[in-house]
C-alpha atoms as a PDB file:
ATOM      1  CA  UNK A   1      20.757 -94.555   8.025  1.00  0.00           C
ATOM      2  CA  UNK A   2      22.253 -91.863   5.973  1.00  0.00           C
ATOM      3  CA  UNK A   3      21.918 -88.255   7.263  1.00  0.00           C
ATOM      4  CA  UNK A   4      19.338 -86.110   5.682  1.00  0.00           C
ATOM      5  CA  UNK A   5      20.750 -83.174   3.706  1.00  0.00           C
ATOM      6  CA  UNK A   6      19.636 -79.868   5.212  1.00  0.00           C
ATOM      7  CA  UNK A   7      21.353 -77.485   2.828  1.00  0.00           C
ATOM      8  CA  UNK A   8      23.505 -75.989   5.590  1.00  0.00           C
ATOM      9  CA  UNK A   9      27.159 -75.633   4.775  1.00  0.00           C
ATOM     10  CA  UNK A  10      29.440 -75.316   7.757  1.00  0.00           C
ATOM     11  CA  UNK A  11      31.547 -72.149   7.859  1.00  0.00           C
ATOM     12  CA  UNK A  12      35.180 -72.627   7.045  1.00  0.00           C
ATOM     13  CA  UNK A  13      37.733 -71.560   9.663  1.00  0.00           C
ATOM     14  CA  UNK A  14      39.073 -68.040   9.095  1.00  0.00           C
ATOM     15  CA  UNK A  15      42.793 -67.823   8.371  1.00  0.00           C
ATOM     16  CA  UNK A  16      44.477 -65.030  10.221  1.00  0.00           C
ATOM     17  CA  UNK A  17      48.043 -65.492   9.132  1.00  0.00           C
ATOM     18  CA  UNK A  18      50.008 -63.528   6.567  1.00  0.00           C
ATOM     19  CA  UNK A  19      49.951 -64.170   2.837  1.00  0.00           C
ATOM     20  CA  UNK A  20      52.407 -63.097   0.194  1.00  0.00           C
ATOM     21  CA  UNK A  21      51.206 -61.397  -2.992  1.00  0.00           C
ATOM     22  CA  UNK A  22      52.826 -60.563  -6.408  1.00  0.00           C
ATOM     23  CA  UNK A  23      54.908 -57.387  -6.454  1.00  0.00           C
ATOM     24  CA  UNK A  24      53.279 -54.396  -8.198  1.00  0.00           C
ATOM     25  CA  UNK A  25      56.251 -52.206  -9.014  1.00  0.00           C
ATOM     26  CA  UNK A  26      59.031 -53.131 -11.539  1.00  0.00           C
ATOM     27  CA  UNK A  27      62.623 -52.265 -10.419  1.00  0.00           C
ATOM     28  CA  UNK A  28      64.435 -49.374 -11.857  1.00  0.00           C
ATOM     29  CA  UNK A  29      67.472 -50.167 -14.035  1.00  0.00           C
ATOM     30  CA  UNK A  30      69.855 -47.739 -12.323  1.00  0.00           C
ATOM     31  CA  UNK A  31      71.007 -47.322  -8.819  1.00  0.00           C
ATOM     32  CA  UNK A  32      69.599 -44.540  -6.765  1.00  0.00           C
ATOM     33  CA  UNK A  33      71.224 -41.114  -6.832  1.00  0.00           C
ATOM     34  CA  UNK A  34      72.948 -40.267  -3.521  1.00  0.00           C
ATOM     35  CA  UNK A  35      71.399 -38.049  -0.923  1.00  0.00           C
ATOM     36  CA  UNK A  36      72.742 -37.033   2.448  1.00  0.00           C
ATOM     37  CA  UNK A  37      71.995 -34.382   5.066  1.00  0.00           C
ATOM     38  CA  UNK A  38      74.574 -33.451   7.841  1.00  0.00           C
ATOM     39  CA  UNK A  39      71.818 -31.973   9.988  1.00  0.00           C
ATOM     40  CA  UNK A  40      69.713 -35.223   9.873  1.00  0.00           C
ATOM     41  CA  UNK A  41      72.934 -37.196  10.683  1.00  0.00           C
ATOM     42  CA  UNK A  42      73.595 -34.943  13.785  1.00  0.00           C
ATOM     43  CA  UNK A  43      69.974 -35.407  14.898  1.00  0.00           C
ATOM     44  CA  UNK A  44      70.290 -39.127  14.627  1.00  0.00           C
ATOM     45  CA  UNK A  45      73.513 -39.088  16.604  1.00  0.00           C
ATOM     46  CA  UNK A  46      71.800 -36.950  19.248  1.00  0.00           C
ATOM     47  CA  UNK A  47      69.290 -39.765  19.712  1.00  0.00           C
ATOM     48  CA  UNK A  48      71.936 -42.277  20.677  1.00  0.00           C
ATOM     49  CA  UNK A  49      71.442 -43.480  24.250  1.00  0.00           C
ATOM     50  CA  UNK A  50      67.983 -41.989  24.656  1.00  0.00           C
ATOM     51  CA  UNK A  51      64.945 -44.252  25.087  1.00  0.00           C
ATOM     52  CA  UNK A  52      61.918 -43.693  22.821  1.00  0.00           C
ATOM     53  CA  UNK A  53      59.441 -44.779  25.466  1.00  0.00           C
ATOM     54  CA  UNK A  54      58.657 -41.326  26.813  1.00  0.00           C
ATOM     55  CA  UNK A  55      58.221 -39.742  23.301  1.00  0.00           C
ATOM     56  CA  UNK A  56      56.113 -42.696  22.177  1.00  0.00           C
ATOM     57  CA  UNK A  57      53.607 -42.203  25.035  1.00  0.00           C
ATOM     58  CA  UNK A  58      53.622 -38.480  24.303  1.00  0.00           C
ATOM     59  CA  UNK A  59      52.870 -38.718  20.628  1.00  0.00           C
ATOM     60  CA  UNK A  60      50.912 -41.900  19.917  1.00  0.00           C
ATOM     61  CA  UNK A  61      48.167 -44.191  21.299  1.00  0.00           C
ATOM     62  CA  UNK A  62      49.445 -46.663  23.859  1.00  0.00           C
ATOM     63  CA  UNK A  63      48.791 -49.762  21.712  1.00  0.00           C
ATOM     64  CA  UNK A  64      49.741 -48.236  18.380  1.00  0.00           C
ATOM     65  CA  UNK A  65      51.982 -50.552  16.447  1.00  0.00           C
ATOM     66  CA  UNK A  66      53.935 -47.647  14.960  1.00  0.00           C
ATOM     67  CA  UNK A  67      54.252 -45.592  18.067  1.00  0.00           C
ATOM     68  CA  UNK A  68      58.076 -45.841  18.282  1.00  0.00           C
ATOM     69  CA  UNK A  69      58.535 -44.829  14.653  1.00  0.00           C
ATOM     70  CA  UNK A  70      56.278 -41.903  15.375  1.00  0.00           C
ATOM     71  CA  UNK A  71      58.472 -41.040  18.347  1.00  0.00           C
ATOM     72  CA  UNK A  72      61.590 -40.955  16.127  1.00  0.00           C
ATOM     73  CA  UNK A  73      59.823 -38.696  13.635  1.00  0.00           C
ATOM     74  CA  UNK A  74      58.851 -36.457  16.456  1.00  0.00           C
ATOM     75  CA  UNK A  75      62.381 -36.351  17.926  1.00  0.00           C
ATOM     76  CA  UNK A  76      63.726 -35.371  14.544  1.00  0.00           C
ATOM     77  CA  UNK A  77      61.212 -32.443  14.258  1.00  0.00           C
ATOM     78  CA  UNK A  78      58.960 -34.142  11.732  1.00  0.00           C
ATOM     79  CA  UNK A  79      55.291 -35.097  11.695  1.00  0.00           C
ATOM     80  CA  UNK A  80      54.399 -38.772  11.129  1.00  0.00           C
ATOM     81  CA  UNK A  81      53.419 -39.230   7.465  1.00  0.00           C
ATOM     82  CA  UNK A  82      54.330 -42.755   6.458  1.00  0.00           C
ATOM     83  CA  UNK A  83      51.349 -43.058   4.090  1.00  0.00           C
ATOM     84  CA  UNK A  84      52.486 -40.230   1.794  1.00  0.00           C
ATOM     85  CA  UNK A  85      54.211 -40.742  -1.532  1.00  0.00           C
ATOM     86  CA  UNK A  86      57.354 -38.643  -0.622  1.00  0.00           C
ATOM     87  CA  UNK A  87      60.263 -39.708   1.541  1.00  0.00           C
ATOM     88  CA  UNK A  88      60.307 -38.424   5.153  1.00  0.00           C
ATOM     89  CA  UNK A  89      63.171 -35.982   4.987  1.00  0.00           C
ATOM     90  CA  UNK A  90      63.064 -33.232   2.350  1.00  0.00           C
ATOM     91  CA  UNK A  91      61.391 -35.652   0.024  1.00  0.00           C
ATOM     92  CA  UNK A  92      64.592 -37.497  -0.629  1.00  0.00           C
ATOM     93  CA  UNK A  93      65.594 -39.492   2.545  1.00  0.00           C
ATOM     94  CA  UNK A  94      63.443 -42.212   4.218  1.00  0.00           C
ATOM     95  CA  UNK A  95      63.804 -42.693   7.936  1.00  0.00           C
ATOM     96  CA  UNK A  96      63.281 -46.263   9.243  1.00  0.00           C
ATOM     97  CA  UNK A  97      63.328 -47.482  12.851  1.00  0.00           C
ATOM     98  CA  UNK A  98      64.773 -50.976  13.289  1.00  0.00           C
ATOM     99  CA  UNK A  99      64.269 -52.706  16.616  1.00  0.00           C
ATOM    100  CA  UNK A 100      67.130 -55.100  17.403  1.00  0.00           C
ATOM    101  CA  UNK A 101      67.515 -57.774  20.044  1.00  0.00           C
ATOM    102  CA  UNK A 102      70.140 -60.400  21.156  1.00  0.00           C
ATOM    103  CA  UNK A 103      69.519 -64.060  21.024  1.00  0.00           C
ATOM    104  CA  UNK A 104      70.397 -66.424  23.922  1.00  0.00           C
ATOM    105  CA  UNK A 105      73.610 -67.211  21.964  1.00  0.00           C
ATOM    106  CA  UNK A 106      74.526 -63.524  21.856  1.00  0.00           C
ATOM    107  CA  UNK A 107      73.756 -62.838  18.204  1.00  0.00           C
ATOM    108  CA  UNK A 108      72.109 -59.532  17.196  1.00  0.00           C
ATOM    109  CA  UNK A 109      68.954 -59.949  15.270  1.00  0.00           C
ATOM    110  CA  UNK A 110      66.004 -57.968  13.867  1.00  0.00           C
ATOM    111  CA  UNK A 111      62.645 -58.784  12.255  1.00  0.00           C
ATOM    112  CA  UNK A 112      61.438 -58.181   8.749  1.00  0.00           C
ATOM    113  CA  UNK A 113      60.943 -54.433   8.097  1.00  0.00           C
ATOM    114  CA  UNK A 114      57.928 -52.608   6.549  1.00  0.00           C
ATOM    115  CA  UNK A 115      59.046 -50.445   3.726  1.00  0.00           C
ATOM    116  CA  UNK A 116      55.785 -48.824   2.612  1.00  0.00           C
ATOM    117  CA  UNK A 117      52.151 -49.644   1.712  1.00  0.00           C
ATOM    118  CA  UNK A 118      51.623 -51.741  -1.421  1.00  0.00           C
ATOM    119  CA  UNK A 119      50.465 -48.847  -3.570  1.00  0.00           C
ATOM    120  CA  UNK A 120      53.726 -47.006  -3.094  1.00  0.00           C
ATOM    121  CA  UNK A 121      57.025 -47.636  -4.928  1.00  0.00           C
ATOM    122  CA  UNK A 122      59.367 -49.569  -2.605  1.00  0.00           C
ATOM    123  CA  UNK A 123      62.443 -48.861  -4.738  1.00  0.00           C
ATOM    124  CA  UNK A 124      61.883 -45.167  -4.334  1.00  0.00           C
ATOM    125  CA  UNK A 125      61.475 -45.491  -0.617  1.00  0.00           C
ATOM    126  CA  UNK A 126      64.700 -47.451  -0.324  1.00  0.00           C
ATOM    127  CA  UNK A 127      66.784 -45.117  -2.550  1.00  0.00           C
ATOM    128  CA  UNK A 128      68.310 -43.289   0.413  1.00  0.00           C
ATOM    129  CA  UNK A 129      67.526 -44.349   3.923  1.00  0.00           C
ATOM    130  CA  UNK A 130      68.638 -43.392   7.408  1.00  0.00           C
ATOM    131  CA  UNK A 131      68.251 -46.569   9.602  1.00  0.00           C
ATOM    132  CA  UNK A 132      67.906 -45.791  13.375  1.00  0.00           C
ATOM    133  CA  UNK A 133      68.369 -48.870  15.599  1.00  0.00           C
ATOM    134  CA  UNK A 134      66.799 -49.259  19.014  1.00  0.00           C
ATOM    135  CA  UNK A 135      66.810 -52.100  21.556  1.00  0.00           C
ATOM    136  CA  UNK A 136      63.535 -54.028  21.524  1.00  0.00           C
ATOM    137  CA  UNK A 137      62.884 -53.925  25.271  1.00  0.00           C
ATOM    138  CA  UNK A 138      64.249 -50.619  26.500  1.00  0.00           C
ATOM    139  CA  UNK A 139      63.827 -48.841  23.143  1.00  0.00           C
ATOM    140  CA  UNK A 140      67.182 -47.128  23.804  1.00  0.00           C
ATOM    141  CA  UNK A 141      68.619 -45.924  20.536  1.00  0.00           C
ATOM    142  CA  UNK A 142      71.878 -47.748  20.008  1.00  0.00           C
ATOM    143  CA  UNK A 143      73.031 -46.266  16.667  1.00  0.00           C
ATOM    144  CA  UNK A 144      72.252 -45.337  13.139  1.00  0.00           C
ATOM    145  CA  UNK A 145      73.556 -45.923   9.605  1.00  0.00           C
ATOM    146  CA  UNK A 146      73.026 -44.676   6.065  1.00  0.00           C
ATOM    147  CA  UNK A 147      71.941 -46.893   3.147  1.00  0.00           C
ATOM    148  CA  UNK A 148      71.663 -46.211  -0.563  1.00  0.00           C
ATOM    149  CA  UNK A 149      70.080 -48.539  -3.125  1.00  0.00           C
ATOM    150  CA  UNK A 150      73.203 -49.234  -5.072  1.00  0.00           C
ATOM    151  CA  UNK A 151      75.686 -52.099  -5.751  1.00  0.00           C
ATOM    152  CA  UNK A 152      74.862 -55.508  -4.343  1.00  0.00           C
ATOM    153  CA  UNK A 153      71.916 -54.165  -2.414  1.00  0.00           C
ATOM    154  CA  UNK A 154      70.318 -52.724  -5.562  1.00  0.00           C
ATOM    155  CA  UNK A 155      70.826 -55.989  -7.370  1.00  0.00           C
ATOM    156  CA  UNK A 156      69.207 -58.127  -4.676  1.00  0.00           C
ATOM    157  CA  UNK A 157      66.182 -55.801  -4.458  1.00  0.00           C
ATOM    158  CA  UNK A 158      65.769 -55.790  -8.263  1.00  0.00           C
ATOM    159  CA  UNK A 159      66.048 -59.558  -8.371  1.00  0.00           C
ATOM    160  CA  UNK A 160      63.009 -59.912  -6.044  1.00  0.00           C
ATOM    161  CA  UNK A 161      60.683 -58.747  -8.838  1.00  0.00           C
ATOM    162  CA  UNK A 162      61.068 -61.962 -10.820  1.00  0.00           C
ATOM    163  CA  UNK A 163      61.314 -64.270  -7.819  1.00  0.00           C
ATOM    164  CA  UNK A 164      58.624 -66.589  -6.509  1.00  0.00           C
ATOM    165  CA  UNK A 165      57.333 -64.889  -3.307  1.00  0.00           C
ATOM    166  CA  UNK A 166      56.788 -68.236  -1.674  1.00  0.00           C
ATOM    167  CA  UNK A 167      59.602 -70.579  -2.734  1.00  0.00           C
ATOM    168  CA  UNK A 168      62.516 -68.253  -3.652  1.00  0.00           C
ATOM    169  CA  UNK A 169      62.546 -66.361  -0.295  1.00  0.00           C
ATOM    170  CA  UNK A 170      63.156 -62.957  -1.911  1.00  0.00           C
ATOM    171  CA  UNK A 171      64.527 -60.104   0.197  1.00  0.00           C
ATOM    172  CA  UNK A 172      61.699 -57.733  -0.968  1.00  0.00           C
ATOM    173  CA  UNK A 173      58.147 -58.913  -1.031  1.00  0.00           C
ATOM    174  CA  UNK A 174      54.491 -57.876  -0.655  1.00  0.00           C
ATOM    175  CA  UNK A 175      52.659 -59.322   2.374  1.00  0.00           C
ATOM    176  CA  UNK A 176      49.179 -58.911   3.794  1.00  0.00           C
ATOM    177  CA  UNK A 177      47.228 -60.224   6.792  1.00  0.00           C
ATOM    178  CA  UNK A 178      44.597 -62.740   5.846  1.00  0.00           C
ATOM    179  CA  UNK A 179      41.750 -61.083   7.760  1.00  0.00           C
ATOM    180  CA  UNK A 180      38.617 -60.557   5.771  1.00  0.00           C
ATOM    181  CA  UNK A 181      37.954 -56.765   5.380  1.00  0.00           C
ATOM    182  CA  UNK A 182      41.198 -55.923   7.089  1.00  0.00           C
ATOM    183  CA  UNK A 183      43.907 -56.863   4.567  1.00  0.00           C
ATOM    184  CA  UNK A 184      46.626 -54.241   4.397  1.00  0.00           C
ATOM    185  CA  UNK A 185      49.183 -55.323   1.810  1.00  0.00           C
ATOM    186  CA  UNK A 186      52.584 -53.743   2.210  1.00  0.00           C
ATOM    187  CA  UNK A 187      56.150 -54.126   1.001  1.00  0.00           C
ATOM    188  CA  UNK A 188      58.721 -55.651   3.414  1.00  0.00           C
ATOM    189  CA  UNK A 189      62.426 -56.282   3.358  1.00  0.00           C
ATOM    190  CA  UNK A 190      63.678 -59.392   5.027  1.00  0.00           C
ATOM    191  CA  UNK A 191      65.731 -59.411   8.190  1.00  0.00           C
ATOM    192  CA  UNK A 192      68.438 -61.108   6.202  1.00  0.00           C
ATOM    193  CA  UNK A 193      68.648 -58.117   3.871  1.00  0.00           C
ATOM    194  CA  UNK A 194      68.893 -55.621   6.738  1.00  0.00           C
ATOM    195  CA  UNK A 195      71.604 -57.681   8.352  1.00  0.00           C
ATOM    196  CA  UNK A 196      73.689 -58.320   5.174  1.00  0.00           C
ATOM    197  CA  UNK A 197      73.295 -55.077   3.237  1.00  0.00           C
ATOM    198  CA  UNK A 198      72.537 -52.470   5.929  1.00  0.00           C
ATOM    199  CA  UNK A 199      74.343 -53.914   8.883  1.00  0.00           C
ATOM    200  CA  UNK A 200      73.240 -54.295  12.530  1.00  0.00           C
ATOM    201  CA  UNK A 201      75.059 -52.730  15.492  1.00  0.00           C
ATOM    202  CA  UNK A 202      76.554 -54.920  18.252  1.00  0.00           C
ATOM    203  CA  UNK A 203      76.753 -53.000  21.530  1.00  0.00           C
ATOM    204  CA  UNK A 204      76.174 -53.906  25.197  1.00  0.00           C
ATOM    205  CA  UNK A 205      72.859 -51.848  25.213  1.00  0.00           C
ATOM    206  CA  UNK A 206      71.179 -54.520  23.025  1.00  0.00           C
ATOM    207  CA  UNK A 207      69.402 -56.889  25.363  1.00  0.00           C
ATOM    208  CA  UNK A 208      68.226 -60.559  25.114  1.00  0.00           C
ATOM    209  CA  UNK A 209      64.744 -61.223  23.954  1.00  0.00           C
ATOM    210  CA  UNK A 210      63.216 -64.651  24.519  1.00  0.00           C
ATOM    211  CA  UNK A 211      59.882 -66.284  25.187  1.00  0.00           C
ATOM    212  CA  UNK A 212      60.477 -66.544  28.967  1.00  0.00           C
ATOM    213  CA  UNK A 213      61.072 -62.791  29.224  1.00  0.00           C
ATOM    214  CA  UNK A 214      57.996 -61.898  27.122  1.00  0.00           C
ATOM    215  CA  UNK A 215      55.796 -64.074  29.314  1.00  0.00           C
ATOM    216  CA  UNK A 216      56.929 -62.126  32.393  1.00  0.00           C
ATOM    217  CA  UNK A 217      57.394 -58.678  31.000  1.00  0.00           C
ATOM    218  CA  UNK A 218      54.536 -57.939  28.519  1.00  0.00           C
ATOM    219  CA  UNK A 219      50.820 -58.178  28.610  1.00  0.00           C
ATOM    220  CA  UNK A 220      49.368 -57.979  25.107  1.00  0.00           C
ATOM    221  CA  UNK A 221      51.025 -54.905  23.451  1.00  0.00           C
ATOM    222  CA  UNK A 222      51.458 -53.147  26.865  1.00  0.00           C
ATOM    223  CA  UNK A 223      55.126 -52.202  27.439  1.00  0.00           C
ATOM    224  CA  UNK A 224      56.485 -52.554  30.985  1.00  0.00           C
ATOM    225  CA  UNK A 225      57.545 -49.581  33.055  1.00  0.00           C
ATOM    226  CA  UNK A 226      61.405 -49.669  33.281  1.00  0.00           C
ATOM    227  CA  UNK A 227      63.550 -48.931  36.231  1.00  0.00           C
ATOM    228  CA  UNK A 228      67.386 -48.850  35.800  1.00  0.00           C
ATOM    229  CA  UNK A 229      69.251 -50.913  38.374  1.00  0.00           C
ATOM    230  CA  UNK A 230      72.842 -51.731  39.083  1.00  0.00           C
ATOM    231  CA  UNK A 231      73.535 -55.394  38.160  1.00  0.00           C
ATOM    232  CA  UNK A 232      74.448 -56.371  41.718  1.00  0.00           C
ATOM    233  CA  UNK A 233      71.431 -54.710  43.336  1.00  0.00           C
ATOM    234  CA  UNK A 234      68.147 -56.550  44.252  1.00  0.00           C
ATOM    235  CA  UNK A 235      66.039 -53.426  44.573  1.00  0.00           C
ATOM    236  CA  UNK A 236      65.891 -49.904  43.228  1.00  0.00           C
ATOM    237  CA  UNK A 237      63.831 -46.850  43.857  1.00  0.00           C
ATOM    238  CA  UNK A 238      60.930 -46.377  41.440  1.00  0.00           C
ATOM    239  CA  UNK A 239      61.656 -43.170  39.550  1.00  0.00           C
ATOM    240  CA  UNK A 240      57.919 -42.467  39.201  1.00  0.00           C
ATOM    241  CA  UNK A 241      56.665 -42.727  42.763  1.00  0.00           C
ATOM    242  CA  UNK A 242      59.694 -43.299  45.013  1.00  0.00           C
ATOM    243  CA  UNK A 243      58.533 -46.769  46.051  1.00  0.00           C
ATOM    244  CA  UNK A 244      60.623 -49.867  45.747  1.00  0.00           C
ATOM    245  CA  UNK A 245      60.954 -52.035  42.621  1.00  0.00           C
ATOM    246  CA  UNK A 246      62.427 -55.498  43.278  1.00  0.00           C
ATOM    247  CA  UNK A 247      64.066 -57.584  40.661  1.00  0.00           C
ATOM    248  CA  UNK A 248      62.653 -61.076  40.102  1.00  0.00           C
ATOM    249  CA  UNK A 249      65.127 -63.832  39.405  1.00  0.00           C
ATOM    250  CA  UNK A 250      68.887 -64.077  40.005  1.00  0.00           C
ATOM    251  CA  UNK A 251      71.284 -61.245  39.349  1.00  0.00           C
ATOM    252  CA  UNK A 252      73.145 -63.504  36.895  1.00  0.00           C
ATOM    253  CA  UNK A 253      70.077 -63.485  34.629  1.00  0.00           C
ATOM    254  CA  UNK A 254      70.051 -59.679  34.676  1.00  0.00           C
ATOM    255  CA  UNK A 255      73.739 -59.502  33.728  1.00  0.00           C
ATOM    256  CA  UNK A 256      73.311 -62.033  30.991  1.00  0.00           C
ATOM    257  CA  UNK A 257      70.146 -60.606  29.407  1.00  0.00           C
ATOM    258  CA  UNK A 258      70.339 -56.972  30.313  1.00  0.00           C
ATOM    259  CA  UNK A 259      66.685 -56.890  31.508  1.00  0.00           C
ATOM    260  CA  UNK A 260      64.623 -58.837  34.048  1.00  0.00           C
ATOM    261  CA  UNK A 261      61.047 -58.856  35.267  1.00  0.00           C
ATOM    262  CA  UNK A 262      60.346 -56.931  38.470  1.00  0.00           C
ATOM    263  CA  UNK A 263      57.598 -56.402  41.049  1.00  0.00           C
ATOM    264  CA  UNK A 264      56.612 -52.969  42.517  1.00  0.00           C
ATOM    265  CA  UNK A 265      56.232 -52.979  46.273  1.00  0.00           C
ATOM    266  CA  UNK A 266      53.335 -51.439  48.082  1.00  0.00           C
ATOM    267  CA  UNK A 267      51.923 -48.846  48.064  1.00  0.00           C
ATOM    268  CA  UNK A 268      51.032 -49.445  44.387  1.00  0.00           C
ATOM    269  CA  UNK A 269      48.883 -46.632  42.890  1.00  0.00           C
ATOM    270  CA  UNK A 270      48.709 -44.292  39.990  1.00  0.00           C
ATOM    271  CA  UNK A 271      50.537 -45.045  36.786  1.00  0.00           C
ATOM    272  CA  UNK A 272      52.639 -47.782  38.584  1.00  0.00           C
ATOM    273  CA  UNK A 273      49.586 -49.842  39.162  1.00  0.00           C
ATOM    274  CA  UNK A 274      48.548 -50.016  35.482  1.00  0.00           C
ATOM    275  CA  UNK A 275      51.562 -51.538  33.887  1.00  0.00           C
ATOM    276  CA  UNK A 276      53.891 -54.526  34.337  1.00  0.00           C
ATOM    277  CA  UNK A 277      57.372 -53.726  35.588  1.00  0.00           C
ATOM    278  CA  UNK A 278      60.844 -54.505  34.500  1.00  0.00           C
ATOM    279  CA  UNK A 279      64.426 -53.544  35.406  1.00  0.00           C
ATOM    280  CA  UNK A 280      67.269 -52.936  33.093  1.00  0.00           C
ATOM    281  CA  UNK A 281      70.995 -53.035  33.712  1.00  0.00           C
ATOM    282  CA  UNK A 282      72.063 -49.517  34.228  1.00  0.00           C
ATOM    283  CA  UNK A 283      75.686 -50.271  33.320  1.00  0.00           C
ATOM    284  CA  UNK A 284      74.617 -51.227  29.730  1.00  0.00           C
ATOM    285  CA  UNK A 285      73.144 -47.750  28.908  1.00  0.00           C
ATOM    286  CA  UNK A 286      75.285 -45.771  26.424  1.00  0.00           C
ATOM    287  CA  UNK A 287      76.920 -42.520  27.550  1.00  0.00           C
ATOM    288  CA  UNK A 288      74.674 -39.525  27.056  1.00  0.00           C
ATOM    289  CA  UNK A 289      75.495 -37.436  24.005  1.00  0.00           C
ATOM    290  CA  UNK A 290      77.397 -34.316  25.233  1.00  0.00           C
ATOM    291  CA  UNK A 291      75.432 -31.144  24.898  1.00  0.00           C
ATOM    292  CA  UNK A 292      72.224 -32.904  24.039  1.00  0.00           C
ATOM    293  CA  UNK A 293      71.043 -34.636  27.189  1.00  0.00           C
ATOM    294  CA  UNK A 294      72.451 -35.868  30.505  1.00  0.00           C
ATOM    295  CA  UNK A 295      72.091 -38.865  32.731  1.00  0.00           C
ATOM    296  CA  UNK A 296      68.996 -37.607  34.516  1.00  0.00           C
ATOM    297  CA  UNK A 297      67.186 -37.049  31.193  1.00  0.00           C
ATOM    298  CA  UNK A 298      68.322 -40.456  29.939  1.00  0.00           C
ATOM    299  CA  UNK A 299      66.603 -42.040  32.993  1.00  0.00           C
ATOM    300  CA  UNK A 300      63.521 -39.881  32.541  1.00  0.00           C
ATOM    301  CA  UNK A 301      63.164 -40.985  28.862  1.00  0.00           C
ATOM    302  CA  UNK A 302      63.411 -44.625  29.927  1.00  0.00           C
ATOM    303  CA  UNK A 303      61.056 -44.497  32.921  1.00  0.00           C
ATOM    304  CA  UNK A 304      58.667 -41.911  31.417  1.00  0.00           C
ATOM    305  CA  UNK A 305      59.067 -39.314  34.123  1.00  0.00           C
ATOM    306  CA  UNK A 306      59.624 -35.499  33.915  1.00  0.00           C
ATOM    307  CA  UNK A 307      59.326 -33.473  30.795  1.00  0.00           C
ATOM    308  CA  UNK A 308      59.582 -35.085  27.379  1.00  0.00           C
ATOM    309  CA  UNK A 309      62.993 -34.239  25.781  1.00  0.00           C
ATOM    310  CA  UNK A 310      62.920 -33.490  22.028  1.00  0.00           C
ATOM    311  CA  UNK A 311      66.247 -33.958  20.310  1.00  0.00           C
ATOM    312  CA  UNK A 312      65.386 -31.446  17.593  1.00  0.00           C
ATOM    313  CA  UNK A 313      65.247 -28.742  20.198  1.00  0.00           C
ATOM    314  CA  UNK A 314      68.753 -29.583  21.546  1.00  0.00           C
ATOM    315  CA  UNK A 315      70.815 -30.205  18.354  1.00  0.00           C
ATOM    316  CA  UNK A 316      72.170 -27.028  16.727  1.00  0.00           C
ATOM    317  CA  UNK A 317      71.425 -26.900  13.019  1.00  0.00           C
ATOM    318  CA  UNK A 318      74.804 -26.587  11.047  1.00  0.00           C
ATOM    319  CA  UNK A 319      75.281 -23.803   8.571  1.00  0.00           C
ATOM    320  CA  UNK A 320      76.059 -26.370   5.838  1.00  0.00           C
ATOM    321  CA  UNK A 321      73.812 -29.378   5.439  1.00  0.00           C
ATOM    322  CA  UNK A 322      76.372 -30.939   3.114  1.00  0.00           C
ATOM    323  CA  UNK A 323      73.932 -31.860   0.347  1.00  0.00           C
ATOM    324  CA  UNK A 324      73.870 -32.954  -2.350  1.00  0.00           C
ATOM    325  CA  UNK A 325      76.875 -35.171  -1.612  1.00  0.00           C
ATOM    326  CA  UNK A 326      78.025 -37.377  -4.490  1.00  0.00           C
ATOM    327  CA  UNK A 327      79.025 -40.777  -3.143  1.00  0.00           C
ATOM    328  CA  UNK A 328      80.829 -43.504  -4.999  1.00  0.00           C
ATOM    329  CA  UNK A 329      78.786 -46.540  -6.010  1.00  0.00           C
END
């Protein structure tokens, strides 16, 4: 017997992945005019070796996706204003945080990077950029570099406008989450573009990120509490409560990856009870920047103890900001 039609149409499953959309802004014909600021460069150098964890918890909600970018803005003396039409610094220089990690084979990688919301011009945002690099796990700043939309980088970005967003794999594209009522289209540059035209640092402070570590170190978007440890030690003193934090797994894994899951010994109370724990190889941390912060403040920024250091309060503003500076193409 055939089923009787009831008029009920079953609901289709909801697609929650990302979708790519046509680009909205045509590329400019010319490369970007150069812009530079010696004070901003000195601030970025002052960040090197400092973890963004403490500032992120000071300035943004715990689960905010952009909390570490907000922390960079705060350290540089700025307010978070990513949605505005003007660039971050003096309306001419955009500041971008790039989190980097190391693969099991030792290669340094990053993910695709959000440029701006889809209603803003991505070519203007990429005209002059200060890229700040931080390790994915410890959020220790490992370096910075300057980028200007010129030369081969300009050509690659301009070519993306006529490329098929699905089949041509352009380096600049519009992407949105496929959630009904929550679509937020934005421009992104590919990880390949950042690696080839901006350049990624390769220093010991960049740690390994893999699925096994993520399973032990993170719950949802909750970051672990970090405790620095010597690579040959099994246990260290918790900088938050003075208890013991014991490394899980062999010492060889800590030496190879730079980080390892850990367990906090009893008594477990206060802030230590609400977060997962991890240890990081103390010997991999960069040297503190002279005159900006010391070893104690470096550990406090990583473990979120003590007062929150703001780099803009420590770096002396130079008499000459050295701009405009006319760079060669």
